[in-house]
Amino acid sequence: MKISEIRDILKATVLFGDDQLDKTIVAGGGSDLMDDILSSLAEGSVLLTGITTEQVIQTAKVAGIVAVVFVRGKKPNENIIELAGSYDMPILLTSYSMFEASGRLYMNGLRGLDGFW
C-alpha cells in the first residue's frame, strides 16, 4: 500500500513527507509502547501511535519504519516534525482513534506482521 493510500483512507494530513507519498508500506501496526514497536514491527511498516515524543521517531528510525501516523488528532510539536524530517520519515496526522485507523487500514488490505495490530 502506498503512503498516499494511507493518507486517503485515514483522511490524514501530511505533516512531513509530501514528496514521499509514493513509497510502499509492506505492513502496519499500532502501539504506544516503544518496546512493542521494536519487537514487533518490521522494516517497511507504518506505525500508528498516540504518543508524540521524540522517542517515537527515534524508535521508528531504529526499527526501519517507513512512516508514522499520529492518531486521535494528537499533533506533535515542531521539534518532532523536524526530527522526522532529519530522518526523511513521513509523518501524518489523523483524527481517528488507533482502533478505528487500524481497522480502516486492515479493511483496505494492509496487514500486520506476526499478529501485530
PDB file of N, CA and C in Angstrom:
ATOM      1  N   MET A   1       0.842  -1.169   0.000  1.00  0.00           N
ATOM      2  CA  MET A   1       0.000   0.000   0.000  1.00  0.00           C
ATOM      3  C   MET A   1       0.896   1.243   0.000  1.00  0.00           C
ATOM      4  N   LYS A   2       0.524   2.226  -0.751  1.00  0.00           N
ATOM      5  CA  LYS A   2       1.273   3.486  -0.818  1.00  0.00           C
ATOM      6  C   LYS A   2       0.884   4.402   0.362  1.00  0.00           C
ATOM      7  N   ILE A   3       1.815   5.266   0.739  1.00  0.00           N
ATOM      8  CA  ILE A   3       1.532   6.233   1.804  1.00  0.00           C
ATOM      9  C   ILE A   3       0.352   7.122   1.399  1.00  0.00           C
ATOM     10  N   SER A   4       0.244   7.431   0.123  1.00  0.00           N
ATOM     11  CA  SER A   4      -0.885   8.255  -0.341  1.00  0.00           C
ATOM     12  C   SER A   4      -2.223   7.566  -0.087  1.00  0.00           C
ATOM     13  N   GLU A   5      -2.251   6.242  -0.192  1.00  0.00           N
ATOM     14  CA  GLU A   5      -3.479   5.499   0.092  1.00  0.00           C
ATOM     15  C   GLU A   5      -3.803   5.550   1.582  1.00  0.00           C
ATOM     16  N   ILE A   6      -2.769   5.426   2.407  1.00  0.00           N
ATOM     17  CA  ILE A   6      -2.966   5.526   3.852  1.00  0.00           C
ATOM     18  C   ILE A   6      -3.528   6.904   4.195  1.00  0.00           C
ATOM     19  N   ARG A   7      -2.946   7.935   3.605  1.00  0.00           N
ATOM     20  CA  ARG A   7      -3.440   9.307   3.819  1.00  0.00           C
ATOM     21  C   ARG A   7      -4.925   9.404   3.478  1.00  0.00           C
ATOM     22  N   ASP A   8      -5.299   8.849   2.333  1.00  0.00           N
ATOM     23  CA  ASP A   8      -6.694   8.945   1.894  1.00  0.00           C
ATOM     24  C   ASP A   8      -7.630   8.129   2.777  1.00  0.00           C
ATOM     25  N   ILE A   9      -7.237   6.903   3.106  1.00  0.00           N
ATOM     26  CA  ILE A   9      -8.075   6.028   3.929  1.00  0.00           C
ATOM     27  C   ILE A   9      -8.313   6.629   5.309  1.00  0.00           C
ATOM     28  N   LEU A  10      -7.274   7.252   5.869  1.00  0.00           N
ATOM     29  CA  LEU A  10      -7.374   7.808   7.219  1.00  0.00           C
ATOM     30  C   LEU A  10      -7.760   9.284   7.232  1.00  0.00           C
ATOM     31  N   LYS A  11      -8.017   9.842   6.043  1.00  0.00           N
ATOM     32  CA  LYS A  11      -8.333  11.270   5.934  1.00  0.00           C
ATOM     33  C   LYS A  11      -7.301  12.077   6.722  1.00  0.00           C
ATOM     34  N   ALA A  12      -6.042  11.726   6.483  1.00  0.00           N
ATOM     35  CA  ALA A  12      -4.934  12.269   7.257  1.00  0.00           C
ATOM     36  C   ALA A  12      -4.321  13.501   6.601  1.00  0.00           C
ATOM     37  N   THR A  13      -3.672  14.291   7.424  1.00  0.00           N
ATOM     38  CA  THR A  13      -2.887  15.431   6.987  1.00  0.00           C
ATOM     39  C   THR A  13      -1.424  15.014   6.997  1.00  0.00           C
ATOM     40  N   VAL A  14      -0.700  15.349   5.948  1.00  0.00           N
ATOM     41  CA  VAL A  14       0.728  15.056   5.899  1.00  0.00           C
ATOM     42  C   VAL A  14       1.463  16.211   6.574  1.00  0.00           C
ATOM     43  N   LEU A  15       2.162  15.915   7.661  1.00  0.00           N
ATOM     44  CA  LEU A  15       2.915  16.938   8.384  1.00  0.00           C
ATOM     45  C   LEU A  15       4.332  17.064   7.847  1.00  0.00           C
ATOM     46  N   PHE A  16       4.859  15.972   7.320  1.00  0.00           N
ATOM     47  CA  PHE A  16       6.148  15.969   6.640  1.00  0.00           C
ATOM     48  C   PHE A  16       6.150  14.818   5.647  1.00  0.00           C
ATOM     49  N   GLY A  17       6.729  15.040   4.482  1.00  0.00           N
ATOM     50  CA  GLY A  17       6.905  13.955   3.527  1.00  0.00           C
ATOM     51  C   GLY A  17       5.964  13.967   2.342  1.00  0.00           C
ATOM     52  N   ASP A  18       5.430  15.131   1.990  1.00  0.00           N
ATOM     53  CA  ASP A  18       4.551  15.221   0.810  1.00  0.00           C
ATOM     54  C   ASP A  18       5.201  14.624  -0.436  1.00  0.00           C
ATOM     55  N   ASP A  19       6.510  14.701  -0.498  1.00  0.00           N
ATOM     56  CA  ASP A  19       7.238  14.212  -1.676  1.00  0.00           C
ATOM     57  C   ASP A  19       7.471  12.702  -1.637  1.00  0.00           C
ATOM     58  N   GLN A  20       6.986  12.028  -0.595  1.00  0.00           N
ATOM     59  CA  GLN A  20       7.245  10.592  -0.443  1.00  0.00           C
ATOM     60  C   GLN A  20       5.968   9.752  -0.440  1.00  0.00           C
ATOM     61  N   LEU A  21       4.899  10.305  -0.928  1.00  0.00           N
ATOM     62  CA  LEU A  21       3.610   9.610  -0.861  1.00  0.00           C
ATOM     63  C   LEU A  21       3.537   8.368  -1.736  1.00  0.00           C
ATOM     64  N   ASP A  22       4.507   8.192  -2.634  1.00  0.00           N
ATOM     65  CA  ASP A  22       4.528   7.005  -3.485  1.00  0.00           C
ATOM     66  C   ASP A  22       5.294   5.842  -2.869  1.00  0.00           C
ATOM     67  N   LYS A  23       5.871   6.031  -1.683  1.00  0.00           N
ATOM     68  CA  LYS A  23       6.580   4.938  -1.010  1.00  0.00           C
ATOM     69  C   LYS A  23       5.598   3.832  -0.655  1.00  0.00           C
ATOM     70  N   THR A  24       6.082   2.604  -0.758  1.00  0.00           N
ATOM     71  CA  THR A  24       5.253   1.444  -0.458  1.00  0.00           C
ATOM     72  C   THR A  24       5.441   1.007   0.991  1.00  0.00           C
ATOM     73  N   ILE A  25       4.330   0.731   1.644  1.00  0.00           N
ATOM     74  CA  ILE A  25       4.294   0.212   3.010  1.00  0.00           C
ATOM     75  C   ILE A  25       3.950  -1.272   2.913  1.00  0.00           C
ATOM     76  N   VAL A  26       4.728  -2.123   3.581  1.00  0.00           N
ATOM     77  CA  VAL A  26       4.510  -3.562   3.472  1.00  0.00           C
ATOM     78  C   VAL A  26       3.628  -4.132   4.576  1.00  0.00           C
ATOM     79  N   ALA A  27       3.534  -3.416   5.700  1.00  0.00           N
ATOM     80  CA  ALA A  27       2.732  -3.891   6.832  1.00  0.00           C
ATOM     81  C   ALA A  27       2.505  -2.716   7.766  1.00  0.00           C
ATOM     82  N   GLY A  28       1.738  -2.952   8.807  1.00  0.00           N
ATOM     83  CA  GLY A  28       1.483  -1.877   9.745  1.00  0.00           C
ATOM     84  C   GLY A  28       1.199  -2.394  11.135  1.00  0.00           C
ATOM     85  N   GLY A  29       1.222  -1.464  12.073  1.00  0.00           N
ATOM     86  CA  GLY A  29       0.908  -1.801  13.450  1.00  0.00           C
ATOM     87  C   GLY A  29       0.669  -0.554  14.258  1.00  0.00           C
ATOM     88  N   GLY A  30       0.006  -0.727  15.378  1.00  0.00           N
ATOM     89  CA  GLY A  30      -0.283   0.398  16.243  1.00  0.00           C
ATOM     90  C   GLY A  30       0.111   0.096  17.671  1.00  0.00           C
ATOM     91  N   SER A  31       0.809   1.043  18.287  1.00  0.00           N
ATOM     92  CA  SER A  31       1.209   0.870  19.672  1.00  0.00           C
ATOM     93  C   SER A  31       1.641   2.199  20.262  1.00  0.00           C
ATOM     94  N   ASP A  32       1.496   2.309  21.565  1.00  0.00           N
ATOM     95  CA  ASP A  32       2.043   3.441  22.310  1.00  0.00           C
ATOM     96  C   ASP A  32       3.221   2.985  23.170  1.00  0.00           C
ATOM     97  N   LEU A  33       3.596   1.731  23.049  1.00  0.00           N
ATOM     98  CA  LEU A  33       4.715   1.179  23.809  1.00  0.00           C
ATOM     99  C   LEU A  33       5.898   0.943  22.873  1.00  0.00           C
ATOM    100  N   MET A  34       6.995   1.624  23.129  1.00  0.00           N
ATOM    101  CA  MET A  34       8.148   1.540  22.242  1.00  0.00           C
ATOM    102  C   MET A  34       8.757   0.140  22.227  1.00  0.00           C
ATOM    103  N   ASP A  35       8.692  -0.592  23.338  1.00  0.00           N
ATOM    104  CA  ASP A  35       9.198  -1.966  23.356  1.00  0.00           C
ATOM    105  C   ASP A  35       8.445  -2.842  22.359  1.00  0.00           C
ATOM    106  N   ASP A  36       7.136  -2.651  22.283  1.00  0.00           N
ATOM    107  CA  ASP A  36       6.333  -3.422  21.322  1.00  0.00           C
ATOM    108  C   ASP A  36       6.740  -3.103  19.889  1.00  0.00           C
ATOM    109  N   ILE A  37       7.008  -1.855  19.646  1.00  0.00           N
ATOM    110  CA  ILE A  37       7.395  -1.440  18.292  1.00  0.00           C
ATOM    111  C   ILE A  37       8.713  -2.096  17.902  1.00  0.00           C
ATOM    112  N   LEU A  38       9.683  -2.054  18.787  1.00  0.00           N
ATOM    113  CA  LEU A  38      10.991  -2.638  18.490  1.00  0.00           C
ATOM    114  C   LEU A  38      10.921  -4.144  18.300  1.00  0.00           C
ATOM    115  N   SER A  39      10.032  -4.809  19.017  1.00  0.00           N
ATOM    116  CA  SER A  39       9.980  -6.265  18.933  1.00  0.00           C
ATOM    117  C   SER A  39       9.007  -6.794  17.889  1.00  0.00           C
ATOM    118  N   SER A  40       8.137  -5.941  17.359  1.00  0.00           N
ATOM    119  CA  SER A  40       7.072  -6.464  16.505  1.00  0.00           C
ATOM    120  C   SER A  40       7.001  -5.911  15.098  1.00  0.00           C
ATOM    121  N   LEU A  41       7.359  -4.662  14.895  1.00  0.00           N
ATOM    122  CA  LEU A  41       7.236  -4.090  13.559  1.00  0.00           C
ATOM    123  C   LEU A  41       8.498  -4.331  12.756  1.00  0.00           C
ATOM    124  N   ALA A  42       8.324  -4.514  11.476  1.00  0.00           N
ATOM    125  CA  ALA A  42       9.458  -4.791  10.595  1.00  0.00           C
ATOM    126  C   ALA A  42       9.738  -3.613   9.678  1.00  0.00           C
ATOM    127  N   GLU A  43      10.889  -3.677   9.091  1.00  0.00           N
ATOM    128  CA  GLU A  43      11.282  -2.649   8.131  1.00  0.00           C
ATOM    129  C   GLU A  43      10.222  -2.538   7.044  1.00  0.00           C
ATOM    130  N   GLY A  44       9.903  -1.304   6.690  1.00  0.00           N
ATOM    131  CA  GLY A  44       8.918  -1.060   5.645  1.00  0.00           C
ATOM    132  C   GLY A  44       7.503  -0.894   6.142  1.00  0.00           C
ATOM    133  N   SER A  45       7.329  -0.849   7.468  1.00  0.00           N
ATOM    134  CA  SER A  45       5.999  -0.745   8.069  1.00  0.00           C
ATOM    135  C   SER A  45       5.596   0.701   8.321  1.00  0.00           C
ATOM    136  N   VAL A  46       4.306   0.874   8.616  1.00  0.00           N
ATOM    137  CA  VAL A  46       3.782   2.141   9.111  1.00  0.00           C
ATOM    138  C   VAL A  46       3.404   1.936  10.573  1.00  0.00           C
ATOM    139  N   LEU A  47       3.677   2.932  11.392  1.00  0.00           N
ATOM    140  CA  LEU A  47       3.344   2.889  12.812  1.00  0.00           C
ATOM    141  C   LEU A  47       2.219   3.859  13.103  1.00  0.00           C
ATOM    142  N   LEU A  48       1.185   3.380  13.783  1.00  0.00           N
ATOM    143  CA  LEU A  48       0.120   4.229  14.300  1.00  0.00           C
ATOM    144  C   LEU A  48       0.351   4.383  15.789  1.00  0.00           C
ATOM    145  N   THR A  49       0.353   5.619  16.278  1.00  0.00           N
ATOM    146  CA  THR A  49       0.598   5.862  17.693  1.00  0.00           C
ATOM    147  C   THR A  49      -0.061   7.151  18.148  1.00  0.00           C
ATOM    148  N   GLY A  50      -0.328   7.215  19.431  1.00  0.00           N
ATOM    149  CA  GLY A  50      -0.860   8.430  20.036  1.00  0.00           C
ATOM    150  C   GLY A  50       0.186   9.164  20.855  1.00  0.00           C
ATOM    151  N   ILE A  51       1.398   8.640  20.875  1.00  0.00           N
ATOM    152  CA  ILE A  51       2.482   9.253  21.631  1.00  0.00           C
ATOM    153  C   ILE A  51       3.223  10.229  20.713  1.00  0.00           C
ATOM    154  N   THR A  52       3.401  11.442  21.175  1.00  0.00           N
ATOM    155  CA  THR A  52       4.006  12.486  20.334  1.00  0.00           C
ATOM    156  C   THR A  52       5.332  12.970  20.925  1.00  0.00           C
ATOM    157  N   THR A  53       6.239  12.018  21.149  1.00  0.00           N
ATOM    158  CA  THR A  53       7.544  12.365  21.690  1.00  0.00           C
ATOM    159  C   THR A  53       8.646  12.030  20.687  1.00  0.00           C
ATOM    160  N   GLU A  54       9.829  12.566  20.937  1.00  0.00           N
ATOM    161  CA  GLU A  54      10.972  12.278  20.077  1.00  0.00           C
ATOM    162  C   GLU A  54      11.296  10.786  20.066  1.00  0.00           C
ATOM    163  N   GLN A  55      11.031  10.106  21.177  1.00  0.00           N
ATOM    164  CA  GLN A  55      11.337   8.677  21.258  1.00  0.00           C
ATOM    165  C   GLN A  55      10.577   7.868  20.214  1.00  0.00           C
ATOM    166  N   VAL A  56       9.380   8.301  19.861  1.00  0.00           N
ATOM    167  CA  VAL A  56       8.615   7.599  18.839  1.00  0.00           C
ATOM    168  C   VAL A  56       9.359   7.643  17.509  1.00  0.00           C
ATOM    169  N   ILE A  57       9.825   8.813  17.133  1.00  0.00           N
ATOM    170  CA  ILE A  57      10.528   8.963  15.862  1.00  0.00           C
ATOM    171  C   ILE A  57      11.856   8.215  15.897  1.00  0.00           C
ATOM    172  N   GLN A  58      12.575   8.312  17.005  1.00  0.00           N
ATOM    173  CA  GLN A  58      13.856   7.610  17.124  1.00  0.00           C
ATOM    174  C   GLN A  58      13.659   6.095  17.096  1.00  0.00           C
ATOM    175  N   THR A  59      12.645   5.609  17.781  1.00  0.00           N
ATOM    176  CA  THR A  59      12.348   4.177  17.768  1.00  0.00           C
ATOM    177  C   THR A  59      11.942   3.726  16.376  1.00  0.00           C
ATOM    178  N   ALA A  60      11.125   4.518  15.717  1.00  0.00           N
ATOM    179  CA  ALA A  60      10.713   4.186  14.349  1.00  0.00           C
ATOM    180  C   ALA A  60      11.920   4.099  13.425  1.00  0.00           C
ATOM    181  N   LYS A  61      12.852   5.009  13.576  1.00  0.00           N
ATOM    182  CA  LYS A  61      14.065   5.004  12.757  1.00  0.00           C
ATOM    183  C   LYS A  61      14.863   3.729  12.986  1.00  0.00           C
ATOM    184  N   VAL A  62      15.072   3.370  14.255  1.00  0.00           N
ATOM    185  CA  VAL A  62      15.834   2.162  14.595  1.00  0.00           C
ATOM    186  C   VAL A  62      15.139   0.921  14.031  1.00  0.00           C
ATOM    187  N   ALA A  63      13.813   0.881  14.090  1.00  0.00           N
ATOM    188  CA  ALA A  63      13.046  -0.283  13.635  1.00  0.00           C
ATOM    189  C   ALA A  63      12.889  -0.350  12.115  1.00  0.00           C
ATOM    190  N   GLY A  64      13.293   0.695  11.403  1.00  0.00           N
ATOM    191  CA  GLY A  64      13.150   0.687   9.942  1.00  0.00           C
ATOM    192  C   GLY A  64      11.747   1.000   9.465  1.00  0.00           C
ATOM    193  N   ILE A  65      10.967   1.647  10.310  1.00  0.00           N
ATOM    194  CA  ILE A  65       9.598   2.021   9.951  1.00  0.00           C
ATOM    195  C   ILE A  65       9.645   3.137   8.914  1.00  0.00           C
ATOM    196  N   VAL A  66       8.793   3.038   7.907  1.00  0.00           N
ATOM    197  CA  VAL A  66       8.802   3.980   6.792  1.00  0.00           C
ATOM    198  C   VAL A  66       8.068   5.273   7.121  1.00  0.00           C
ATOM    199  N   ALA A  67       6.953   5.169   7.862  1.00  0.00           N
ATOM    200  CA  ALA A  67       6.126   6.341   8.138  1.00  0.00           C
ATOM    201  C   ALA A  67       5.430   6.174   9.489  1.00  0.00           C
ATOM    202  N   VAL A  68       5.101   7.315  10.098  1.00  0.00           N
ATOM    203  CA  VAL A  68       4.391   7.328  11.380  1.00  0.00           C
ATOM    204  C   VAL A  68       3.099   8.109  11.200  1.00  0.00           C
ATOM    205  N   VAL A  69       2.013   7.545  11.732  1.00  0.00           N
ATOM    206  CA  VAL A  69       0.723   8.232  11.737  1.00  0.00           C
ATOM    207  C   VAL A  69       0.345   8.484  13.188  1.00  0.00           C
ATOM    208  N   PHE A  70       0.183   9.752  13.542  1.00  0.00           N
ATOM    209  CA  PHE A  70      -0.286  10.104  14.876  1.00  0.00           C
ATOM    210  C   PHE A  70      -1.806  10.084  14.858  1.00  0.00           C
ATOM    211  N   VAL A  71      -2.390   9.342  15.797  1.00  0.00           N
ATOM    212  CA  VAL A  71      -3.844   9.149  15.847  1.00  0.00           C
ATOM    213  C   VAL A  71      -4.475  10.075  16.883  1.00  0.00           C
ATOM    214  N   ARG A  72      -5.806  10.050  16.931  1.00  0.00           N
ATOM    215  CA  ARG A  72      -6.606  10.831  17.893  1.00  0.00           C
ATOM    216  C   ARG A  72      -6.364  12.334  17.771  1.00  0.00           C
ATOM    217  N   GLY A  73      -5.888  12.780  16.616  1.00  0.00           N
ATOM    218  CA  GLY A  73      -5.667  14.203  16.400  1.00  0.00           C
ATOM    219  C   GLY A  73      -4.535  14.777  17.221  1.00  0.00           C
ATOM    220  N   LYS A  74      -3.673  13.931  17.745  1.00  0.00           N
ATOM    221  CA  LYS A  74      -2.564  14.381  18.604  1.00  0.00           C
ATOM    222  C   LYS A  74      -1.419  14.892  17.733  1.00  0.00           C
ATOM    223  N   LYS A  75      -1.310  16.192  17.636  1.00  0.00           N
ATOM    224  CA  LYS A  75      -0.307  16.800  16.765  1.00  0.00           C
ATOM    225  C   LYS A  75       1.022  16.967  17.505  1.00  0.00           C
ATOM    226  N   PRO A  76       2.090  16.449  16.897  1.00  0.00           N
ATOM    227  CA  PRO A  76       3.412  16.616  17.506  1.00  0.00           C
ATOM    228  C   PRO A  76       3.892  18.054  17.359  1.00  0.00           C
ATOM    229  N   ASN A  77       4.812  18.458  18.235  1.00  0.00           N
ATOM    230  CA  ASN A  77       5.341  19.814  18.131  1.00  0.00           C
ATOM    231  C   ASN A  77       6.373  19.903  17.000  1.00  0.00           C
ATOM    232  N   GLU A  78       6.832  21.089  16.739  1.00  0.00           N
ATOM    233  CA  GLU A  78       7.756  21.324  15.621  1.00  0.00           C
ATOM    234  C   GLU A  78       9.059  20.549  15.763  1.00  0.00           C
ATOM    235  N   ASN A  79       9.534  20.334  16.982  1.00  0.00           N
ATOM    236  CA  ASN A  79      10.772  19.567  17.184  1.00  0.00           C
ATOM    237  C   ASN A  79      10.629  18.145  16.665  1.00  0.00           C
ATOM    238  N   ILE A  80       9.470  17.558  16.877  1.00  0.00           N
ATOM    239  CA  ILE A  80       9.215  16.188  16.416  1.00  0.00           C
ATOM    240  C   ILE A  80       9.156  16.161  14.891  1.00  0.00           C
ATOM    241  N   ILE A  81       8.482  17.130  14.314  1.00  0.00           N
ATOM    242  CA  ILE A  81       8.384  17.211  12.855  1.00  0.00           C
ATOM    243  C   ILE A  81       9.774  17.408  12.245  1.00  0.00           C
ATOM    244  N   GLU A  82      10.587  18.255  12.859  1.00  0.00           N
ATOM    245  CA  GLU A  82      11.949  18.476  12.365  1.00  0.00           C
ATOM    246  C   GLU A  82      12.797  17.212  12.490  1.00  0.00           C
ATOM    247  N   LEU A  83      12.644  16.475  13.585  1.00  0.00           N
ATOM    248  CA  LEU A  83      13.391  15.230  13.754  1.00  0.00           C
ATOM    249  C   LEU A  83      12.999  14.227  12.669  1.00  0.00           C
ATOM    250  N   ALA A  84      11.716  14.091  12.425  1.00  0.00           N
ATOM    251  CA  ALA A  84      11.258  13.205  11.354  1.00  0.00           C
ATOM    252  C   ALA A  84      11.846  13.657  10.020  1.00  0.00           C
ATOM    253  N   GLY A  85      11.888  14.962   9.806  1.00  0.00           N
ATOM    254  CA  GLY A  85      12.471  15.496   8.577  1.00  0.00           C
ATOM    255  C   GLY A  85      13.942  15.160   8.455  1.00  0.00           C
ATOM    256  N   SER A  86      14.671  15.188   9.558  1.00  0.00           N
ATOM    257  CA  SER A  86      16.102  14.866   9.512  1.00  0.00           C
ATOM    258  C   SER A  86      16.324  13.403   9.145  1.00  0.00           C
ATOM    259  N   TYR A  87      15.337  12.543   9.438  1.00  0.00           N
ATOM    260  CA  TYR A  87      15.400  11.132   9.058  1.00  0.00           C
ATOM    261  C   TYR A  87      14.696  10.868   7.733  1.00  0.00           C
ATOM    262  N   ASP A  88      14.135  11.922   7.139  1.00  0.00           N
ATOM    263  CA  ASP A  88      13.381  11.800   5.894  1.00  0.00           C
ATOM    264  C   ASP A  88      12.225  10.807   6.050  1.00  0.00           C
ATOM    265  N   MET A  89      11.545  10.893   7.194  1.00  0.00           N
ATOM    266  CA  MET A  89      10.463   9.977   7.547  1.00  0.00           C
ATOM    267  C   MET A  89       9.123  10.702   7.482  1.00  0.00           C
ATOM    268  N   PRO A  90       8.241  10.300   6.585  1.00  0.00           N
ATOM    269  CA  PRO A  90       6.924  10.930   6.511  1.00  0.00           C
ATOM    270  C   PRO A  90       6.138  10.739   7.802  1.00  0.00           C
ATOM    271  N   ILE A  91       5.463  11.801   8.222  1.00  0.00           N
ATOM    272  CA  ILE A  91       4.560  11.692   9.357  1.00  0.00           C
ATOM    273  C   ILE A  91       3.211  12.296   8.979  1.00  0.00           C
ATOM    274  N   LEU A  92       2.167  11.634   9.454  1.00  0.00           N
ATOM    275  CA  LEU A  92       0.806  12.033   9.146  1.00  0.00           C
ATOM    276  C   LEU A  92       0.023  12.176  10.435  1.00  0.00           C
ATOM    277  N   LEU A  93      -1.108  12.845  10.334  1.00  0.00           N
ATOM    278  CA  LEU A  93      -1.979  13.089  11.474  1.00  0.00           C
ATOM    279  C   LEU A  93      -3.414  12.756  11.077  1.00  0.00           C
ATOM    280  N   THR A  94      -4.076  11.914  11.887  1.00  0.00           N
ATOM    281  CA  THR A  94      -5.477  11.579  11.651  1.00  0.00           C
ATOM    282  C   THR A  94      -6.282  11.799  12.929  1.00  0.00           C
ATOM    283  N   SER A  95      -7.541  12.109  12.761  1.00  0.00           N
ATOM    284  CA  SER A  95      -8.410  12.287  13.927  1.00  0.00           C
ATOM    285  C   SER A  95      -8.996  10.957  14.404  1.00  0.00           C
ATOM    286  N   TYR A  96      -8.842   9.896  13.618  1.00  0.00           N
ATOM    287  CA  TYR A  96      -9.360   8.588  14.022  1.00  0.00           C
ATOM    288  C   TYR A  96      -8.602   8.056  15.237  1.00  0.00           C
ATOM    289  N   SER A  97      -9.286   7.260  16.040  1.00  0.00           N
ATOM    290  CA  SER A  97      -8.623   6.553  17.145  1.00  0.00           C
ATOM    291  C   SER A  97      -7.695   5.492  16.547  1.00  0.00           C
ATOM    292  N   MET A  98      -6.803   4.963  17.363  1.00  0.00           N
ATOM    293  CA  MET A  98      -5.916   3.910  16.876  1.00  0.00           C
ATOM    294  C   MET A  98      -6.729   2.700  16.426  1.00  0.00           C
ATOM    295  N   PHE A  99      -7.768   2.366  17.182  1.00  0.00           N
ATOM    296  CA  PHE A  99      -8.622   1.231  16.851  1.00  0.00           C
ATOM    297  C   PHE A  99      -9.265   1.421  15.478  1.00  0.00           C
ATOM    298  N   GLU A 100      -9.885   2.582  15.272  1.00  0.00           N
ATOM    299  CA  GLU A 100     -10.572   2.811  14.009  1.00  0.00           C
ATOM    300  C   GLU A 100      -9.592   2.934  12.849  1.00  0.00           C
ATOM    301  N   ALA A 101      -8.471   3.617  13.058  1.00  0.00           N
ATOM    302  CA  ALA A 101      -7.470   3.757  11.994  1.00  0.00           C
ATOM    303  C   ALA A 101      -6.925   2.388  11.594  1.00  0.00           C
ATOM    304  N   SER A 102      -6.629   1.558  12.592  1.00  0.00           N
ATOM    305  CA  SER A 102      -6.128   0.211  12.305  1.00  0.00           C
ATOM    306  C   SER A 102      -7.156  -0.592  11.522  1.00  0.00           C
ATOM    307  N   GLY A 103      -8.398  -0.523  11.952  1.00  0.00           N
ATOM    308  CA  GLY A 103      -9.466  -1.249  11.263  1.00  0.00           C
ATOM    309  C   GLY A 103      -9.647  -0.797   9.831  1.00  0.00           C
ATOM    310  N   ARG A 104      -9.597   0.493   9.601  1.00  0.00           N
ATOM    311  CA  ARG A 104      -9.750   1.024   8.244  1.00  0.00           C
ATOM    312  C   ARG A 104      -8.613   0.544   7.340  1.00  0.00           C
ATOM    313  N   LEU A 105      -7.391   0.568   7.852  1.00  0.00           N
ATOM    314  CA  LEU A 105      -6.259   0.097   7.050  1.00  0.00           C
ATOM    315  C   LEU A 105      -6.361  -1.402   6.793  1.00  0.00           C
ATOM    316  N   TYR A 106      -6.741  -2.152   7.810  1.00  0.00           N
ATOM    317  CA  TYR A 106      -6.895  -3.601   7.666  1.00  0.00           C
ATOM    318  C   TYR A 106      -7.964  -3.925   6.633  1.00  0.00           C
ATOM    319  N   MET A 107      -9.091  -3.242   6.706  1.00  0.00           N
ATOM    320  CA  MET A 107     -10.189  -3.489   5.758  1.00  0.00           C
ATOM    321  C   MET A 107      -9.791  -3.149   4.324  1.00  0.00           C
ATOM    322  N   ASN A 108      -8.783  -2.311   4.168  1.00  0.00           N
ATOM    323  CA  ASN A 108      -8.318  -1.939   2.838  1.00  0.00           C
ATOM    324  C   ASN A 108      -7.083  -2.724   2.409  1.00  0.00           C
ATOM    325  N   GLY A 109      -6.752  -3.780   3.144  1.00  0.00           N
ATOM    326  CA  GLY A 109      -5.730  -4.709   2.693  1.00  0.00           C
ATOM    327  C   GLY A 109      -4.376  -4.643   3.373  1.00  0.00           C
ATOM    328  N   LEU A 110      -4.145  -3.686   4.259  1.00  0.00           N
ATOM    329  CA  LEU A 110      -2.859  -3.617   4.942  1.00  0.00           C
ATOM    330  C   LEU A 110      -2.890  -4.555   6.141  1.00  0.00           C
ATOM    331  N   ARG A 111      -1.903  -5.405   6.248  1.00  0.00           N
ATOM    332  CA  ARG A 111      -1.853  -6.388   7.324  1.00  0.00           C
ATOM    333  C   ARG A 111      -0.694  -6.102   8.260  1.00  0.00           C
ATOM    334  N   GLY A 112      -0.778  -6.671   9.445  1.00  0.00           N
ATOM    335  CA  GLY A 112       0.306  -6.595  10.413  1.00  0.00           C
ATOM    336  C   GLY A 112       1.232  -7.769  10.245  1.00  0.00           C
ATOM    337  N   LEU A 113       2.315  -7.745  10.982  1.00  0.00           N
ATOM    338  CA  LEU A 113       3.260  -8.848  10.981  1.00  0.00           C
ATOM    339  C   LEU A 113       3.139  -9.593  12.301  1.00  0.00           C
ATOM    340  N   ASP A 114       3.114 -10.914  12.254  1.00  0.00           N
ATOM    341  CA  ASP A 114       3.031 -11.739  13.454  1.00  0.00           C
ATOM    342  C   ASP A 114       1.877 -11.328  14.356  1.00  0.00           C
ATOM    343  N   GLY A 115       0.751 -10.983  13.746  1.00  0.00           N
ATOM    344  CA  GLY A 115      -0.427 -10.633  14.524  1.00  0.00           C
ATOM    345  C   GLY A 115      -0.370  -9.281  15.201  1.00  0.00           C
ATOM    346  N   PHE A 116       0.584  -8.455  14.825  1.00  0.00           N
ATOM    347  CA  PHE A 116       0.732  -7.138  15.475  1.00  0.00           C
ATOM    348  C   PHE A 116      -0.200  -6.138  14.824  1.00  0.00           C
ATOM    349  N   TRP A 117      -1.238  -5.781  15.495  1.00  0.00           N
ATOM    350  CA  TRP A 117      -2.152  -4.704  15.127  1.00  0.00           C
ATOM    351  C   TRP A 117      -2.750  -4.263  16.396  1.00  0.00           C
TER     352      TRP A 117
END
